[in-house]
């Protein structure tokens, strides 16, 4: 019968192996929990970046670690900036600087020439002082009050 106070070398090894297996199981469970927590944190970070950078498509922000997510954000921002720049006409202000051309569009260099039979606002006679009957008569007689 084995003596509990003096274990044999084989019993000693079995006990050590069992203890190491228990420790391995504990460490593995802790590692798995840390991995899940880390992935959740990275996902939340990626979602926050996506929400705070609406001009960047969400699919361009990717990665399994914080460093990878930061790197993909920088690359995505570069892409968005290049696309914006390529869409800007030459000499136009950069998008997002808040500037816009002020006032009405510029007037043409010379007023339009009148076409035969077409009245422009400048050459149209005033109807203000005419009675309704005079207005009807003028409309029926080629639009010119008499």
C-alpha atoms as a PDB file:
ATOM      1  CA  UNK A   1       0.000   0.000   0.000  1.00  0.00           C
ATOM      2  CA  UNK A   2       1.370   3.484  -0.839  1.00  0.00           C
ATOM      3  CA  UNK A   3       2.505   5.638   2.018  1.00  0.00           C
ATOM      4  CA  UNK A   4       0.790   9.112   1.910  1.00  0.00           C
ATOM      5  CA  UNK A   5       3.690  10.752   3.719  1.00  0.00           C
ATOM      6  CA  UNK A   6       6.303   9.414   1.318  1.00  0.00           C
ATOM      7  CA  UNK A   7       4.869   9.462  -2.215  1.00  0.00           C
ATOM      8  CA  UNK A   8       6.681   7.532  -4.870  1.00  0.00           C
ATOM      9  CA  UNK A   9       8.313   9.433  -7.707  1.00  0.00           C
ATOM     10  CA  UNK A  10       5.491   8.368 -10.090  1.00  0.00           C
ATOM     11  CA  UNK A  11       2.831   9.662  -7.700  1.00  0.00           C
ATOM     12  CA  UNK A  12       4.799  12.869  -7.324  1.00  0.00           C
ATOM     13  CA  UNK A  13       4.897  13.354 -11.089  1.00  0.00           C
ATOM     14  CA  UNK A  14       1.162  12.647 -11.453  1.00  0.00           C
ATOM     15  CA  UNK A  15       0.336  15.229  -8.790  1.00  0.00           C
ATOM     16  CA  UNK A  16       2.585  17.835 -10.409  1.00  0.00           C
ATOM     17  CA  UNK A  17       1.072  17.148 -13.843  1.00  0.00           C
ATOM     18  CA  UNK A  18      -2.468  17.499 -12.454  1.00  0.00           C
ATOM     19  CA  UNK A  19      -1.547  20.770 -10.734  1.00  0.00           C
ATOM     20  CA  UNK A  20       0.070  22.131 -13.925  1.00  0.00           C
ATOM     21  CA  UNK A  21      -2.986  21.144 -15.980  1.00  0.00           C
ATOM     22  CA  UNK A  22      -5.219  23.063 -13.561  1.00  0.00           C
ATOM     23  CA  UNK A  23      -2.972  26.108 -13.799  1.00  0.00           C
ATOM     24  CA  UNK A  24      -2.915  25.825 -17.599  1.00  0.00           C
ATOM     25  CA  UNK A  25      -6.712  25.700 -17.664  1.00  0.00           C
ATOM     26  CA  UNK A  26      -6.940  28.804 -15.470  1.00  0.00           C
ATOM     27  CA  UNK A  27      -4.419  30.752 -17.537  1.00  0.00           C
ATOM     28  CA  UNK A  28      -6.126  29.707 -20.787  1.00  0.00           C
ATOM     29  CA  UNK A  29      -9.523  30.886 -19.486  1.00  0.00           C
ATOM     30  CA  UNK A  30      -8.010  34.218 -18.402  1.00  0.00           C
ATOM     31  CA  UNK A  31      -6.343  34.656 -21.792  1.00  0.00           C
ATOM     32  CA  UNK A  32      -9.606  33.888 -23.619  1.00  0.00           C
ATOM     33  CA  UNK A  33     -11.495  36.413 -21.458  1.00  0.00           C
ATOM     34  CA  UNK A  34      -8.839  39.049 -22.139  1.00  0.00           C
ATOM     35  CA  UNK A  35      -9.012  38.350 -25.876  1.00  0.00           C
ATOM     36  CA  UNK A  36     -12.795  38.768 -25.894  1.00  0.00           C
ATOM     37  CA  UNK A  37     -12.523  42.012 -23.906  1.00  0.00           C
ATOM     38  CA  UNK A  38      -9.818  43.318 -26.234  1.00  0.00           C
ATOM     39  CA  UNK A  39     -11.858  42.545 -29.355  1.00  0.00           C
ATOM     40  CA  UNK A  40     -14.892  44.251 -27.822  1.00  0.00           C
ATOM     41  CA  UNK A  41     -12.804  47.336 -27.014  1.00  0.00           C
ATOM     42  CA  UNK A  42     -11.382  47.476 -30.546  1.00  0.00           C
ATOM     43  CA  UNK A  43     -14.881  47.101 -32.028  1.00  0.00           C
ATOM     44  CA  UNK A  44     -16.204  49.922 -29.832  1.00  0.00           C
ATOM     45  CA  UNK A  45     -13.220  52.099 -30.762  1.00  0.00           C
ATOM     46  CA  UNK A  46     -13.785  51.430 -34.470  1.00  0.00           C
ATOM     47  CA  UNK A  47     -17.500  52.310 -34.113  1.00  0.00           C
ATOM     48  CA  UNK A  48     -16.601  55.538 -32.322  1.00  0.00           C
ATOM     49  CA  UNK A  49     -14.144  56.500 -35.057  1.00  0.00           C
ATOM     50  CA  UNK A  50     -16.713  55.699 -37.746  1.00  0.00           C
ATOM     51  CA  UNK A  51     -19.310  57.901 -36.032  1.00  0.00           C
ATOM     52  CA  UNK A  52     -16.856  60.766 -35.534  1.00  0.00           C
ATOM     53  CA  UNK A  53     -15.607  60.649 -39.155  1.00  0.00           C
ATOM     54  CA  UNK A  54     -18.798  60.509 -41.261  1.00  0.00           C
ATOM     55  CA  UNK A  55     -16.955  61.395 -44.475  1.00  0.00           C
ATOM     56  CA  UNK A  56     -14.952  58.171 -44.267  1.00  0.00           C
ATOM     57  CA  UNK A  57     -16.793  54.999 -45.347  1.00  0.00           C
ATOM     58  CA  UNK A  58     -17.040  52.573 -42.417  1.00  0.00           C
ATOM     59  CA  UNK A  59     -15.535  49.740 -44.467  1.00  0.00           C
ATOM     60  CA  UNK A  60     -12.240  51.621 -44.748  1.00  0.00           C
ATOM     61  CA  UNK A  61     -11.726  51.632 -40.971  1.00  0.00           C
ATOM     62  CA  UNK A  62     -10.617  48.117 -40.067  1.00  0.00           C
ATOM     63  CA  UNK A  63      -8.204  46.158 -37.918  1.00  0.00           C
ATOM     64  CA  UNK A  64      -7.933  43.694 -35.047  1.00  0.00           C
ATOM     65  CA  UNK A  65      -5.798  45.916 -32.799  1.00  0.00           C
ATOM     66  CA  UNK A  66      -5.916  49.585 -31.847  1.00  0.00           C
ATOM     67  CA  UNK A  67      -2.760  50.212 -33.870  1.00  0.00           C
ATOM     68  CA  UNK A  68      -4.252  48.576 -36.978  1.00  0.00           C
ATOM     69  CA  UNK A  69      -7.465  50.600 -36.613  1.00  0.00           C
ATOM     70  CA  UNK A  70      -5.486  53.838 -36.236  1.00  0.00           C
ATOM     71  CA  UNK A  71      -3.402  52.952 -39.294  1.00  0.00           C
ATOM     72  CA  UNK A  72      -6.462  52.197 -41.408  1.00  0.00           C
ATOM     73  CA  UNK A  73      -8.072  55.476 -40.291  1.00  0.00           C
ATOM     74  CA  UNK A  74      -5.013  57.424 -41.416  1.00  0.00           C
ATOM     75  CA  UNK A  75      -4.977  55.616 -44.765  1.00  0.00           C
ATOM     76  CA  UNK A  76      -8.725  56.152 -45.220  1.00  0.00           C
ATOM     77  CA  UNK A  77      -8.391  59.872 -44.435  1.00  0.00           C
ATOM     78  CA  UNK A  78      -5.661  60.135 -47.069  1.00  0.00           C
ATOM     79  CA  UNK A  79      -7.924  58.454 -49.627  1.00  0.00           C
ATOM     80  CA  UNK A  80     -10.858  60.752 -48.816  1.00  0.00           C
ATOM     81  CA  UNK A  81      -8.610  63.827 -49.068  1.00  0.00           C
ATOM     82  CA  UNK A  82      -7.261  62.680 -52.450  1.00  0.00           C
ATOM     83  CA  UNK A  83     -10.759  62.037 -53.797  1.00  0.00           C
ATOM     84  CA  UNK A  84     -11.939  65.465 -52.615  1.00  0.00           C
ATOM     85  CA  UNK A  85      -8.935  67.138 -54.189  1.00  0.00           C
ATOM     86  CA  UNK A  86      -9.472  65.342 -57.497  1.00  0.00           C
ATOM     87  CA  UNK A  87     -13.119  66.432 -57.563  1.00  0.00           C
ATOM     88  CA  UNK A  88     -12.294  70.104 -56.866  1.00  0.00           C
ATOM     89  CA  UNK A  89     -12.153  72.344 -59.950  1.00  0.00           C
ATOM     90  CA  UNK A  90      -8.868  74.174 -60.424  1.00  0.00           C
ATOM     91  CA  UNK A  91      -8.701  77.367 -58.392  1.00  0.00           C
ATOM     92  CA  UNK A  92     -11.775  76.502 -56.302  1.00  0.00           C
ATOM     93  CA  UNK A  93     -11.561  76.845 -52.541  1.00  0.00           C
ATOM     94  CA  UNK A  94     -10.983  73.622 -50.640  1.00  0.00           C
ATOM     95  CA  UNK A  95     -14.064  71.870 -49.333  1.00  0.00           C
ATOM     96  CA  UNK A  96     -14.792  72.377 -45.717  1.00  0.00           C
ATOM     97  CA  UNK A  97     -13.097  75.775 -45.369  1.00  0.00           C
ATOM     98  CA  UNK A  98     -16.512  77.425 -45.089  1.00  0.00           C
ATOM     99  CA  UNK A  99     -15.951  79.774 -48.001  1.00  0.00           C
ATOM    100  CA  UNK A 100     -18.462  80.304 -50.740  1.00  0.00           C
ATOM    101  CA  UNK A 101     -18.607  82.893 -53.457  1.00  0.00           C
ATOM    102  CA  UNK A 102     -20.529  85.898 -52.176  1.00  0.00           C
ATOM    103  CA  UNK A 103     -23.215  87.882 -53.911  1.00  0.00           C
ATOM    104  CA  UNK A 104     -25.025  87.298 -57.169  1.00  0.00           C
ATOM    105  CA  UNK A 105     -23.353  85.787 -60.186  1.00  0.00           C
ATOM    106  CA  UNK A 106     -21.342  88.265 -62.242  1.00  0.00           C
ATOM    107  CA  UNK A 107     -23.211  90.267 -64.865  1.00  0.00           C
ATOM    108  CA  UNK A 108     -22.482  89.490 -68.509  1.00  0.00           C
ATOM    109  CA  UNK A 109     -19.880  91.688 -70.197  1.00  0.00           C
ATOM    110  CA  UNK A 110     -22.476  93.253 -72.502  1.00  0.00           C
ATOM    111  CA  UNK A 111     -26.291  93.286 -72.341  1.00  0.00           C
ATOM    112  CA  UNK A 112     -28.049  90.855 -74.639  1.00  0.00           C
ATOM    113  CA  UNK A 113     -28.953  92.217 -78.014  1.00  0.00           C
ATOM    114  CA  UNK A 114     -32.638  92.354 -78.778  1.00  0.00           C
ATOM    115  CA  UNK A 115     -34.038  90.084 -81.393  1.00  0.00           C
ATOM    116  CA  UNK A 116     -36.564  91.351 -83.958  1.00  0.00           C
ATOM    117  CA  UNK A 117     -40.105  91.105 -82.569  1.00  0.00           C
ATOM    118  CA  UNK A 118     -38.915  90.232 -79.048  1.00  0.00           C
ATOM    119  CA  UNK A 119     -39.269  92.772 -76.272  1.00  0.00           C
ATOM    120  CA  UNK A 120     -36.887  92.757 -73.373  1.00  0.00           C
ATOM    121  CA  UNK A 121     -37.675  94.130 -69.945  1.00  0.00           C
ATOM    122  CA  UNK A 122     -35.769  97.285 -70.812  1.00  0.00           C
ATOM    123  CA  UNK A 123     -37.767  97.930 -74.009  1.00  0.00           C
ATOM    124  CA  UNK A 124     -41.201  96.746 -72.865  1.00  0.00           C
ATOM    125  CA  UNK A 125     -43.671  99.631 -72.488  1.00  0.00           C
ATOM    126  CA  UNK A 126     -45.234 100.343 -69.122  1.00  0.00           C
ATOM    127  CA  UNK A 127     -48.740  99.054 -68.530  1.00  0.00           C
ATOM    128  CA  UNK A 128     -49.101 100.793 -65.181  1.00  0.00           C
ATOM    129  CA  UNK A 129     -51.264 103.719 -66.314  1.00  0.00           C
ATOM    130  CA  UNK A 130     -53.578 101.765 -68.634  1.00  0.00           C
ATOM    131  CA  UNK A 131     -57.167 100.818 -67.936  1.00  0.00           C
ATOM    132  CA  UNK A 132     -58.243  97.184 -68.232  1.00  0.00           C
ATOM    133  CA  UNK A 133     -59.808  97.867 -71.623  1.00  0.00           C
ATOM    134  CA  UNK A 134     -56.616  99.498 -72.884  1.00  0.00           C
ATOM    135  CA  UNK A 135     -54.569  96.555 -71.644  1.00  0.00           C
ATOM    136  CA  UNK A 136     -56.807  94.061 -73.497  1.00  0.00           C
ATOM    137  CA  UNK A 137     -56.642  96.151 -76.655  1.00  0.00           C
ATOM    138  CA  UNK A 138     -52.862  96.405 -76.398  1.00  0.00           C
ATOM    139  CA  UNK A 139     -52.547  92.662 -75.834  1.00  0.00           C
ATOM    140  CA  UNK A 140     -54.630  91.904 -78.918  1.00  0.00           C
ATOM    141  CA  UNK A 141     -52.670  94.378 -81.027  1.00  0.00           C
ATOM    142  CA  UNK A 142     -49.280  92.707 -80.706  1.00  0.00           C
ATOM    143  CA  UNK A 143     -48.652  93.603 -77.075  1.00  0.00           C
ATOM    144  CA  UNK A 144     -47.942  97.323 -77.503  1.00  0.00           C
ATOM    145  CA  UNK A 145     -50.063  99.894 -75.682  1.00  0.00           C
ATOM    146  CA  UNK A 146     -51.181 102.808 -77.789  1.00  0.00           C
END
